Amino acid sequence: EVMEIMAGAGVPCGAVLDSTEVLSDPHLRK
């Protein structure tokens, strides 16, 4: 949510993913 709000305000940002999120992320798998 923070990433979406900040990006919507023009602030370059990204959420720091934990290992479970990284290993299950469909974009990273693709």
PDB file of all heavy atoms in Angstrom:
ATOM      1  N   GLU A   1       0.834  -1.206   0.000  1.00  0.00           N
ATOM      2  CA  GLU A   1       0.000   0.000   0.000  1.00  0.00           C
ATOM      3  C   GLU A   1       0.865   1.251   0.000  1.00  0.00           C
ATOM      4  O   GLU A   1       0.593   2.207  -0.741  1.00  0.00           O
ATOM      5  CB  GLU A   1      -0.921   0.003   1.221  1.00  0.00           C
ATOM      6  CG  GLU A   1      -1.987  -1.070   1.192  1.00  0.00           C
ATOM      7  CD  GLU A   1      -2.729  -1.207   2.510  1.00  0.00           C
ATOM      8  OE1 GLU A   1      -2.132  -0.973   3.582  1.00  0.00           O
ATOM      9  OE2 GLU A   1      -3.911  -1.557   2.463  1.00  0.00           O
ATOM     10  N   VAL A   2       1.912   1.246   0.814  1.00  0.00           N
ATOM     11  CA  VAL A   2       2.824   2.395   0.861  1.00  0.00           C
ATOM     12  C   VAL A   2       3.459   2.600  -0.510  1.00  0.00           C
ATOM     13  O   VAL A   2       3.518   3.731  -1.016  1.00  0.00           O
ATOM     14  CB  VAL A   2       3.912   2.196   1.952  1.00  0.00           C
ATOM     15  CG1 VAL A   2       4.994   3.257   1.841  1.00  0.00           C
ATOM     16  CG2 VAL A   2       3.279   2.206   3.335  1.00  0.00           C
ATOM     17  N   MET A   3       3.909   1.526  -1.137  1.00  0.00           N
ATOM     18  CA  MET A   3       4.537   1.620  -2.457  1.00  0.00           C
ATOM     19  C   MET A   3       3.561   2.208  -3.472  1.00  0.00           C
ATOM     20  O   MET A   3       3.926   3.089  -4.254  1.00  0.00           O
ATOM     21  CB  MET A   3       4.999   0.240  -2.913  1.00  0.00           C
ATOM     22  CG  MET A   3       5.674   0.237  -4.269  1.00  0.00           C
ATOM     23  SD  MET A   3       6.193  -1.405  -4.797  1.00  0.00           S
ATOM     24  CE  MET A   3       4.619  -2.196  -5.085  1.00  0.00           C
ATOM     25  N   GLU A   4       2.326   1.729  -3.474  1.00  0.00           N
ATOM     26  CA  GLU A   4       1.329   2.219  -4.430  1.00  0.00           C
ATOM     27  C   GLU A   4       1.025   3.700  -4.224  1.00  0.00           C
ATOM     28  O   GLU A   4       0.972   4.469  -5.181  1.00  0.00           O
ATOM     29  CB  GLU A   4       0.049   1.396  -4.285  1.00  0.00           C
ATOM     30  CG  GLU A   4      -0.982   1.701  -5.344  1.00  0.00           C
ATOM     31  CD  GLU A   4      -2.194   0.790  -5.236  1.00  0.00           C
ATOM     32  OE1 GLU A   4      -2.023  -0.415  -5.034  1.00  0.00           O
ATOM     33  OE2 GLU A   4      -3.315   1.320  -5.358  1.00  0.00           O
ATOM     34  N   ILE A   5       0.860   4.106  -2.987  1.00  0.00           N
ATOM     35  CA  ILE A   5       0.565   5.507  -2.685  1.00  0.00           C
ATOM     36  C   ILE A   5       1.746   6.402  -3.059  1.00  0.00           C
ATOM     37  O   ILE A   5       1.573   7.447  -3.696  1.00  0.00           O
ATOM     38  CB  ILE A   5       0.194   5.682  -1.195  1.00  0.00           C
ATOM     39  CG1 ILE A   5      -1.148   4.977  -0.905  1.00  0.00           C
ATOM     40  CG2 ILE A   5       0.121   7.159  -0.809  1.00  0.00           C
ATOM     41  CD1 ILE A   5      -1.451   4.800   0.571  1.00  0.00           C
ATOM     42  N   MET A   6       2.949   5.997  -2.668  1.00  0.00           N
ATOM     43  CA  MET A   6       4.137   6.798  -2.961  1.00  0.00           C
ATOM     44  C   MET A   6       4.384   6.889  -4.473  1.00  0.00           C
ATOM     45  O   MET A   6       4.686   7.953  -4.996  1.00  0.00           O
ATOM     46  CB  MET A   6       5.364   6.204  -2.261  1.00  0.00           C
ATOM     47  CG  MET A   6       5.265   6.198  -0.748  1.00  0.00           C
ATOM     48  SD  MET A   6       5.259   7.837  -0.029  1.00  0.00           S
ATOM     49  CE  MET A   6       6.980   8.231  -0.132  1.00  0.00           C
ATOM     50  N   ALA A   7       4.251   5.755  -5.171  1.00  0.00           N
ATOM     51  CA  ALA A   7       4.446   5.761  -6.621  1.00  0.00           C
ATOM     52  C   ALA A   7       3.402   6.647  -7.291  1.00  0.00           C
ATOM     53  O   ALA A   7       3.713   7.366  -8.248  1.00  0.00           O
ATOM     54  CB  ALA A   7       4.385   4.342  -7.171  1.00  0.00           C
ATOM     55  N   GLY A   8       2.182   6.618  -6.787  1.00  0.00           N
ATOM     56  CA  GLY A   8       1.119   7.477  -7.325  1.00  0.00           C
ATOM     57  C   GLY A   8       1.418   8.951  -7.145  1.00  0.00           C
ATOM     58  O   GLY A   8       0.925   9.793  -7.904  1.00  0.00           O
ATOM     59  N   ALA A   9       2.243   9.275  -6.152  1.00  0.00           N
ATOM     60  CA  ALA A   9       2.635  10.661  -5.902  1.00  0.00           C
ATOM     61  C   ALA A   9       3.924  11.018  -6.637  1.00  0.00           C
ATOM     62  O   ALA A   9       4.467  12.101  -6.456  1.00  0.00           O
ATOM     63  CB  ALA A   9       2.805  10.888  -4.397  1.00  0.00           C
ATOM     64  N   GLY A  10       4.417  10.077  -7.460  1.00  0.00           N
ATOM     65  CA  GLY A  10       5.618  10.357  -8.241  1.00  0.00           C
ATOM     66  C   GLY A  10       6.923  10.067  -7.528  1.00  0.00           C
ATOM     67  O   GLY A  10       7.988  10.474  -7.993  1.00  0.00           O
ATOM     68  N   VAL A  11       6.872   9.366  -6.402  1.00  0.00           N
ATOM     69  CA  VAL A  11       8.086   9.041  -5.651  1.00  0.00           C
ATOM     70  C   VAL A  11       8.587   7.672  -6.114  1.00  0.00           C
ATOM     71  O   VAL A  11       7.869   6.683  -5.995  1.00  0.00           O
ATOM     72  CB  VAL A  11       7.801   9.000  -4.135  1.00  0.00           C
ATOM     73  CG1 VAL A  11       9.049   8.600  -3.364  1.00  0.00           C
ATOM     74  CG2 VAL A  11       7.261  10.343  -3.653  1.00  0.00           C
ATOM     75  N   PRO A  12       9.805   7.608  -6.658  1.00  0.00           N
ATOM     76  CA  PRO A  12      10.343   6.302  -7.050  1.00  0.00           C
ATOM     77  C   PRO A  12      10.511   5.424  -5.807  1.00  0.00           C
ATOM     78  O   PRO A  12      11.126   5.844  -4.826  1.00  0.00           O
ATOM     79  CB  PRO A  12      11.705   6.625  -7.657  1.00  0.00           C
ATOM     80  CG  PRO A  12      11.699   8.098  -7.898  1.00  0.00           C
ATOM     81  CD  PRO A  12      10.720   8.696  -6.935  1.00  0.00           C
ATOM     82  N   CYS A  13       9.927   4.242  -5.832  1.00  0.00           N
ATOM     83  CA  CYS A  13       9.992   3.393  -4.649  1.00  0.00           C
ATOM     84  C   CYS A  13       9.684   1.950  -5.017  1.00  0.00           C
ATOM     85  O   CYS A  13       9.230   1.658  -6.127  1.00  0.00           O
ATOM     86  CB  CYS A  13       9.005   3.875  -3.590  1.00  0.00           C
ATOM     87  SG  CYS A  13       7.295   3.841  -4.151  1.00  0.00           S
ATOM     88  N   GLY A  14       9.921   1.071  -4.096  1.00  0.00           N
ATOM     89  CA  GLY A  14       9.587  -0.331  -4.265  1.00  0.00           C
ATOM     90  C   GLY A  14       9.545  -1.008  -2.919  1.00  0.00           C
ATOM     91  O   GLY A  14      10.292  -0.650  -2.014  1.00  0.00           O
ATOM     92  N   ALA A  15       8.669  -1.979  -2.779  1.00  0.00           N
ATOM     93  CA  ALA A  15       8.589  -2.742  -1.536  1.00  0.00           C
ATOM     94  C   ALA A  15       9.762  -3.708  -1.467  1.00  0.00           C
ATOM     95  O   ALA A  15      10.154  -4.290  -2.474  1.00  0.00           O
ATOM     96  CB  ALA A  15       7.275  -3.510  -1.481  1.00  0.00           C
ATOM     97  N   VAL A  16      10.316  -3.873  -0.288  1.00  0.00           N
ATOM     98  CA  VAL A  16      11.377  -4.850  -0.084  1.00  0.00           C
ATOM     99  C   VAL A  16      10.692  -6.180   0.220  1.00  0.00           C
ATOM    100  O   VAL A  16       9.980  -6.319   1.213  1.00  0.00           O
ATOM    101  CB  VAL A  16      12.309  -4.444   1.079  1.00  0.00           C
ATOM    102  CG1 VAL A  16      13.350  -5.522   1.335  1.00  0.00           C
ATOM    103  CG2 VAL A  16      12.976  -3.112   0.763  1.00  0.00           C
ATOM    104  N   LEU A  17      10.886  -7.158  -0.666  1.00  0.00           N
ATOM    105  CA  LEU A  17      10.229  -8.447  -0.518  1.00  0.00           C
ATOM    106  C   LEU A  17      11.032  -9.375   0.376  1.00  0.00           C
ATOM    107  O   LEU A  17      12.264  -9.382   0.327  1.00  0.00           O
ATOM    108  CB  LEU A  17      10.054  -9.100  -1.896  1.00  0.00           C
ATOM    109  CG  LEU A  17       9.309  -8.282  -2.950  1.00  0.00           C
ATOM    110  CD1 LEU A  17       9.213  -9.071  -4.251  1.00  0.00           C
ATOM    111  CD2 LEU A  17       7.934  -7.879  -2.458  1.00  0.00           C
ATOM    112  N   ASP A  18      10.338 -10.170   1.183  1.00  0.00           N
ATOM    113  CA  ASP A  18      11.040 -11.187   1.959  1.00  0.00           C
ATOM    114  C   ASP A  18      11.248 -12.407   1.069  1.00  0.00           C
ATOM    115  O   ASP A  18      10.769 -12.455  -0.071  1.00  0.00           O
ATOM    116  CB  ASP A  18      10.301 -11.522   3.259  1.00  0.00           C
ATOM    117  CG  ASP A  18       8.925 -12.136   3.046  1.00  0.00           C
ATOM    118  OD1 ASP A  18       8.701 -12.831   2.024  1.00  0.00           O
ATOM    119  OD2 ASP A  18       8.064 -11.943   3.919  1.00  0.00           O
ATOM    120  N   SER A  19      11.982 -13.394   1.545  1.00  0.00           N
ATOM    121  CA  SER A  19      12.342 -14.530   0.694  1.00  0.00           C
ATOM    122  C   SER A  19      11.118 -15.303   0.209  1.00  0.00           C
ATOM    123  O   SER A  19      11.087 -15.751  -0.941  1.00  0.00           O
ATOM    124  CB  SER A  19      13.317 -15.453   1.422  1.00  0.00           C
ATOM    125  OG  SER A  19      12.747 -15.916   2.631  1.00  0.00           O
ATOM    126  N   THR A  20      10.095 -15.445   1.023  1.00  0.00           N
ATOM    127  CA  THR A  20       8.878 -16.142   0.592  1.00  0.00           C
ATOM    128  C   THR A  20       8.199 -15.390  -0.542  1.00  0.00           C
ATOM    129  O   THR A  20       7.755 -15.993  -1.523  1.00  0.00           O
ATOM    130  CB  THR A  20       7.913 -16.319   1.777  1.00  0.00           C
ATOM    131  OG1 THR A  20       8.558 -17.087   2.796  1.00  0.00           O
ATOM    132  CG2 THR A  20       6.638 -17.018   1.355  1.00  0.00           C
ATOM    133  N   GLU A  21       8.133 -14.066  -0.437  1.00  0.00           N
ATOM    134  CA  GLU A  21       7.522 -13.255  -1.491  1.00  0.00           C
ATOM    135  C   GLU A  21       8.327 -13.327  -2.787  1.00  0.00           C
ATOM    136  O   GLU A  21       7.750 -13.418  -3.868  1.00  0.00           O
ATOM    137  CB  GLU A  21       7.391 -11.799  -1.033  1.00  0.00           C
ATOM    138  CG  GLU A  21       6.384 -11.601   0.076  1.00  0.00           C
ATOM    139  CD  GLU A  21       6.434 -10.201   0.659  1.00  0.00           C
ATOM    140  OE1 GLU A  21       7.545  -9.732   0.978  1.00  0.00           O
ATOM    141  OE2 GLU A  21       5.368  -9.588   0.798  1.00  0.00           O
ATOM    142  N   VAL A  22       9.640 -13.291  -2.688  1.00  0.00           N
ATOM    143  CA  VAL A  22      10.497 -13.367  -3.879  1.00  0.00           C
ATOM    144  C   VAL A  22      10.301 -14.698  -4.588  1.00  0.00           C
ATOM    145  O   VAL A  22      10.094 -14.755  -5.799  1.00  0.00           O
ATOM    146  CB  VAL A  22      11.992 -13.181  -3.515  1.00  0.00           C
ATOM    147  CG1 VAL A  22      12.896 -13.543  -4.678  1.00  0.00           C
ATOM    148  CG2 VAL A  22      12.251 -11.748  -3.065  1.00  0.00           C
ATOM    149  N   LEU A  23      10.351 -15.793  -3.834  1.00  0.00           N
ATOM    150  CA  LEU A  23      10.293 -17.116  -4.431  1.00  0.00           C
ATOM    151  C   LEU A  23       8.916 -17.464  -4.999  1.00  0.00           C
ATOM    152  O   LEU A  23       8.801 -18.350  -5.842  1.00  0.00           O
ATOM    153  CB  LEU A  23      10.737 -18.172  -3.422  1.00  0.00           C
ATOM    154  CG  LEU A  23      12.198 -18.059  -2.992  1.00  0.00           C
ATOM    155  CD1 LEU A  23      12.506 -19.074  -1.896  1.00  0.00           C
ATOM    156  CD2 LEU A  23      13.141 -18.219  -4.168  1.00  0.00           C
ATOM    157  N   SER A  24       7.874 -16.758  -4.571  1.00  0.00           N
ATOM    158  CA  SER A  24       6.532 -17.054  -5.078  1.00  0.00           C
ATOM    159  C   SER A  24       6.002 -15.978  -6.024  1.00  0.00           C
ATOM    160  O   SER A  24       4.881 -16.108  -6.523  1.00  0.00           O
ATOM    161  CB  SER A  24       5.561 -17.249  -3.906  1.00  0.00           C
ATOM    162  OG  SER A  24       5.444 -16.054  -3.154  1.00  0.00           O
ATOM    163  N   ASP A  25       6.770 -14.949  -6.294  1.00  0.00           N
ATOM    164  CA  ASP A  25       6.312 -13.851  -7.148  1.00  0.00           C
ATOM    165  C   ASP A  25       6.157 -14.326  -8.602  1.00  0.00           C
ATOM    166  O   ASP A  25       7.123 -14.784  -9.211  1.00  0.00           O
ATOM    167  CB  ASP A  25       7.300 -12.695  -7.077  1.00  0.00           C
ATOM    168  CG  ASP A  25       6.811 -11.485  -7.845  1.00  0.00           C
ATOM    169  OD1 ASP A  25       6.906 -11.500  -9.100  1.00  0.00           O
ATOM    170  OD2 ASP A  25       6.331 -10.538  -7.206  1.00  0.00           O
ATOM    171  N   PRO A  26       4.957 -14.226  -9.176  1.00  0.00           N
ATOM    172  CA  PRO A  26       4.748 -14.717 -10.547  1.00  0.00           C
ATOM    173  C   PRO A  26       5.570 -13.978 -11.594  1.00  0.00           C
ATOM    174  O   PRO A  26       5.991 -14.562 -12.590  1.00  0.00           O
ATOM    175  CB  PRO A  26       3.247 -14.530 -10.781  1.00  0.00           C
ATOM    176  CG  PRO A  26       2.793 -13.572  -9.746  1.00  0.00           C
ATOM    177  CD  PRO A  26       3.744 -13.691  -8.591  1.00  0.00           C
ATOM    178  N   HIS A  27       5.835 -12.700 -11.396  1.00  0.00           N
ATOM    179  CA  HIS A  27       6.630 -11.931 -12.352  1.00  0.00           C
ATOM    180  C   HIS A  27       8.090 -12.383 -12.349  1.00  0.00           C
ATOM    181  O   HIS A  27       8.724 -12.476 -13.396  1.00  0.00           O
ATOM    182  CB  HIS A  27       6.532 -10.433 -12.067  1.00  0.00           C
ATOM    183  CG  HIS A  27       5.142  -9.906 -12.129  1.00  0.00           C
ATOM    184  ND1 HIS A  27       4.460  -9.751 -13.310  1.00  0.00           N
ATOM    185  CD2 HIS A  27       4.288  -9.519 -11.155  1.00  0.00           C
ATOM    186  CE1 HIS A  27       3.247  -9.293 -13.065  1.00  0.00           C
ATOM    187  NE2 HIS A  27       3.126  -9.145 -11.759  1.00  0.00           N
ATOM    188  N   LEU A  28       8.618 -12.668 -11.164  1.00  0.00           N
ATOM    189  CA  LEU A  28      10.003 -13.130 -11.066  1.00  0.00           C
ATOM    190  C   LEU A  28      10.145 -14.548 -11.618  1.00  0.00           C
ATOM    191  O   LEU A  28      11.159 -14.893 -12.203  1.00  0.00           O
ATOM    192  CB  LEU A  28      10.490 -13.069  -9.618  1.00  0.00           C
ATOM    193  CG  LEU A  28      10.567 -11.669  -9.018  1.00  0.00           C
ATOM    194  CD1 LEU A  28      11.008 -11.738  -7.560  1.00  0.00           C
ATOM    195  CD2 LEU A  28      11.493 -10.781  -9.819  1.00  0.00           C
ATOM    196  N   ARG A  29       9.107 -15.364 -11.454  1.00  0.00           N
ATOM    197  CA  ARG A  29       9.138 -16.716 -12.016  1.00  0.00           C
ATOM    198  C   ARG A  29       9.091 -16.662 -13.539  1.00  0.00           C
ATOM    199  O   ARG A  29       9.762 -17.430 -14.212  1.00  0.00           O
ATOM    200  CB  ARG A  29       7.978 -17.551 -11.483  1.00  0.00           C
ATOM    201  CG  ARG A  29       8.207 -17.973 -10.051  1.00  0.00           C
ATOM    202  CD  ARG A  29       7.173 -18.994  -9.621  1.00  0.00           C
ATOM    203  NE  ARG A  29       7.631 -19.685  -8.442  1.00  0.00           N
ATOM    204  CZ  ARG A  29       8.388 -20.771  -8.461  1.00  0.00           C
ATOM    205  NH1 ARG A  29       8.763 -21.302  -9.584  1.00  0.00           N
ATOM    206  NH2 ARG A  29       8.779 -21.329  -7.342  1.00  0.00           N
ATOM    207  N   LYS A  30       8.319 -15.739 -14.079  1.00  0.00           N
ATOM    208  CA  LYS A  30       8.192 -15.632 -15.534  1.00  0.00           C
ATOM    209  C   LYS A  30       9.468 -15.064 -16.159  1.00  0.00           C
ATOM    210  O   LYS A  30       9.787 -15.368 -17.306  1.00  0.00           O
ATOM    211  CB  LYS A  30       6.985 -14.762 -15.887  1.00  0.00           C
ATOM    212  CG  LYS A  30       6.682 -14.728 -17.364  1.00  0.00           C
ATOM    213  CD  LYS A  30       5.438 -13.927 -17.663  1.00  0.00           C
ATOM    214  CE  LYS A  30       5.193 -13.920 -19.161  1.00  0.00           C
ATOM    215  NZ  LYS A  30       4.034 -13.128 -19.512  1.00  0.00           N
TER     216      LYS A  30
END
